[in-house]
C-alpha cells in the first residue's frame, strides 16, 4: 500500500490490520523524522480521509509549536502538582521551554470509533517529567489541535472522561 503523502506503507509488524511508514521528515517538528502507524485503513469505508488527515498534518508548520506550548506546559504543571515538586524530575520555568523536554516517538492515525467518527492524528512522544505515560498531541483531521494529554489512547477529552461532546476541550 502507498500513501501519496508519506510513501510506501508496510504491514505493521505486530498488528496485521495496521500499516507503518518509513521515517519521514515532519515539518511541524522542524524536519525531525518519525514513522507513521495507520490503524484499520483497509476495513474503513472512507480510506481517503486518512490520506487527507496525513496530508493536513504534514502541512502544519513549525510555528504552530508555539500555540501548542501552553497546553503541554499545563499538562506538565498538572503532573507536577499531582506528584509533588520533589517527585517531578524536571523543572520547566515557562511554556516556551517545554519542547526541549519532549522527544517525539511516532505518529498514529486512526478513526474515532464513536462520536463524530472522524480521523485523528496523534503525535506521540516521551517526556522527561512523565516517563511512564508520555505525551500525546492530537489533531482532528490532522488540522486542528484537539487534545494534549498523557498517552491514554483517547482522541478527545470528552472520550477520556465520558463527557458530552459540547464539553470537549484541548486539555
Protein backbone atom coordinates (compact mmCIF):
# COMPACT_ATOMS: atom_id res chain seq x y z
CA UNK A 1 0.00 0.00 0.00
CA UNK A 2 1.19 3.53 -0.69
CA UNK A 3 0.37 6.96 0.69
CA UNK A 4 0.70 9.91 -1.67
CA UNK A 5 1.99 11.96 1.25
CA UNK A 6 4.30 9.68 3.24
CA UNK A 7 5.22 6.99 0.73
CA UNK A 8 5.24 3.23 0.85
CA UNK A 9 3.43 1.55 3.74
CA UNK A 10 4.12 -1.93 5.02
CA UNK A 11 2.04 -4.15 7.27
CA UNK A 12 2.71 -3.31 10.91
CA UNK A 13 4.98 -5.96 12.49
CA UNK A 14 2.60 -6.59 15.40
CA UNK A 15 -0.90 -5.98 14.04
CA UNK A 16 -1.86 -7.22 10.58
CA UNK A 17 -4.67 -4.67 10.12
CA UNK A 18 -2.35 -1.69 10.63
CA UNK A 19 0.27 -0.17 8.34
CA UNK A 20 3.54 1.56 9.06
CA UNK A 21 5.63 4.02 7.08
CA UNK A 22 9.35 4.55 6.98
CA UNK A 23 10.51 7.61 8.89
CA UNK A 24 9.62 10.86 7.14
CA UNK A 25 10.55 14.46 7.84
CA UNK A 26 7.83 16.23 9.89
CA UNK A 27 7.62 19.97 9.12
CA UNK A 28 5.85 20.72 12.43
CA UNK A 29 8.89 19.30 14.22
CA UNK A 30 11.45 21.20 12.16
CA UNK A 31 12.23 18.20 9.97
CA UNK A 32 12.58 15.63 12.76
CA UNK A 33 11.88 12.22 11.21
CA UNK A 34 9.19 9.90 12.53
CA UNK A 35 7.28 6.91 11.21
CA UNK A 36 3.50 6.80 10.91
CA UNK A 37 1.24 4.00 12.09
CA UNK A 38 -2.14 3.87 10.35
CA UNK A 39 -4.87 1.84 12.03
CA UNK A 40 -7.51 -0.25 10.24
CA UNK A 41 -7.45 1.63 6.91
CA UNK A 42 -8.31 -1.49 4.85
CA UNK A 43 -11.55 -2.04 6.73
CA UNK A 44 -12.56 1.63 6.56
CA UNK A 45 -15.48 2.90 4.47
CA UNK A 46 -13.64 6.16 3.63
CA UNK A 47 -9.89 5.42 3.49
CA UNK A 48 -9.30 8.68 1.59
CA UNK A 49 -9.99 10.53 4.85
CA UNK A 50 -6.80 9.00 6.30
CA UNK A 51 -4.73 10.37 3.41
CA UNK A 52 -6.39 13.77 3.81
CA UNK A 53 -5.61 13.86 7.55
CA UNK A 54 -2.00 12.83 6.94
CA UNK A 55 -1.62 15.48 4.24
CA UNK A 56 -3.14 18.12 6.53
CA UNK A 57 -0.79 17.14 9.36
CA UNK A 58 2.24 17.25 7.08
CA UNK A 59 1.24 20.79 6.04
CA UNK A 60 1.42 22.07 9.64
CA UNK A 61 4.30 24.48 10.06
CA UNK A 62 6.84 24.56 12.88
CA UNK A 63 5.46 27.94 14.02
CA UNK A 64 2.39 26.07 15.33
CA UNK A 65 4.56 24.66 18.13
CA UNK A 66 4.26 27.99 19.98
CA UNK A 67 0.47 27.59 20.03
CA UNK A 68 0.81 24.07 21.44
CA UNK A 69 3.35 25.01 24.16
CA UNK A 70 0.83 26.37 26.72
CA UNK A 71 -1.16 23.13 26.58
CA UNK A 72 1.91 20.94 27.02
CA UNK A 73 3.03 23.21 29.85
CA UNK A 74 -0.38 22.89 31.52
CA UNK A 75 -0.09 19.08 31.29
CA UNK A 76 3.37 19.31 32.84
CA UNK A 77 2.12 21.55 35.69
CA UNK A 78 -0.82 19.22 36.40
CA UNK A 79 1.55 16.26 36.64
CA UNK A 80 3.98 18.19 38.85
CA UNK A 81 1.11 19.25 41.12
CA UNK A 82 -0.21 15.67 41.32
CA UNK A 83 3.10 14.05 42.29
CA UNK A 84 4.64 16.99 44.13
CA UNK A 85 7.64 19.01 43.00
CA UNK A 86 10.03 16.72 44.91
CA UNK A 87 8.91 13.76 42.76
CA UNK A 88 8.97 15.58 39.42
CA UNK A 89 12.39 15.15 37.80
CA UNK A 90 12.01 18.22 35.60
CA UNK A 91 11.79 21.93 36.25
CA UNK A 92 10.34 23.87 33.34
CA UNK A 93 10.06 27.57 34.18
CA UNK A 94 7.81 28.62 31.28
CA UNK A 95 5.82 27.27 28.33
CA UNK A 96 8.48 28.39 25.85
CA UNK A 97 10.96 25.85 27.22
CA UNK A 98 8.69 22.81 27.19
CA UNK A 99 9.70 21.30 23.83
CA UNK A 100 13.29 20.66 24.99
CA UNK A 101 11.86 18.07 27.40
CA UNK A 102 9.74 16.31 24.75
CA UNK A 103 11.05 13.56 22.45
CA UNK A 104 8.57 12.69 19.68
CA UNK A 105 8.37 8.94 19.03
CA UNK A 106 5.93 8.34 16.17
CA UNK A 107 2.67 9.47 14.59
CA UNK A 108 -0.53 7.43 14.84
CA UNK A 109 -3.52 7.89 12.52
CA UNK A 110 -6.88 6.40 13.45
CA UNK A 111 -10.59 6.89 13.17
CA UNK A 112 -12.50 7.79 16.31
CA UNK A 113 -14.80 4.80 16.93
CA UNK A 114 -17.76 6.87 18.16
CA UNK A 115 -18.91 10.49 18.31
CA UNK A 116 -18.04 12.21 15.04
CA UNK A 117 -16.17 9.09 13.81
CA UNK A 118 -13.59 11.24 12.02
CA UNK A 119 -9.88 10.66 11.51
CA UNK A 120 -7.40 11.96 14.08
CA UNK A 121 -3.62 12.24 14.01
CA UNK A 122 -1.73 11.66 17.25
CA UNK A 123 1.81 12.87 17.74
CA UNK A 124 3.13 10.52 20.43
CA UNK A 125 6.15 11.46 22.49
CA UNK A 126 8.19 10.67 25.54
CA UNK A 127 8.59 13.49 28.02
CA UNK A 128 11.11 13.85 30.82
CA UNK A 129 8.58 14.73 33.50
CA UNK A 130 6.29 11.71 32.88
CA UNK A 131 8.34 8.76 31.63
CA UNK A 132 5.61 6.22 32.35
CA UNK A 133 2.74 7.69 30.31
CA UNK A 134 4.47 10.09 27.94
CA UNK A 135 2.61 12.75 25.98
CA UNK A 136 0.19 12.87 23.07
CA UNK A 137 -0.75 15.85 20.94
CA UNK A 138 -3.90 15.09 18.93
CA UNK A 139 -5.07 16.82 15.76
CA UNK A 140 -8.64 16.49 14.47
CA UNK A 141 -8.45 15.58 10.78
CA UNK A 142 -4.74 16.43 11.02
CA UNK A 143 -5.56 20.14 11.00
CA UNK A 144 -6.71 21.50 14.33
CA UNK A 145 -5.25 20.88 17.76
CA UNK A 146 -7.79 18.77 19.59
CA UNK A 147 -6.13 17.35 22.70
CA UNK A 148 -2.91 17.39 24.72
CA UNK A 149 -2.55 14.76 27.45
CA UNK A 150 -0.61 11.78 28.61
CA UNK A 151 -0.76 8.80 26.26
CA UNK A 152 -4.09 7.40 27.39
CA UNK A 153 -5.30 6.35 23.92
CA UNK A 154 -8.27 8.72 23.88
CA UNK A 155 -8.57 11.06 20.93
CA UNK A 156 -10.77 13.62 22.67
CA UNK A 157 -11.11 14.96 26.20
CA UNK A 158 -14.80 14.09 26.15
CA UNK A 159 -13.97 10.45 25.31
CA UNK A 160 -11.37 10.25 28.09
CA UNK A 161 -13.78 11.46 30.74
CA UNK A 162 -17.08 10.22 29.26
CA UNK A 163 -18.36 13.77 28.81
CA UNK A 164 -20.87 15.15 26.30
CA UNK A 165 -19.31 16.42 23.06
CA UNK A 166 -20.06 20.04 23.94
CA UNK A 167 -17.73 19.72 26.95
CA UNK A 168 -14.76 18.69 24.82
CA UNK A 169 -11.59 20.77 25.24
CA UNK A 170 -7.91 20.56 24.39
CA UNK A 171 -6.63 19.61 27.86
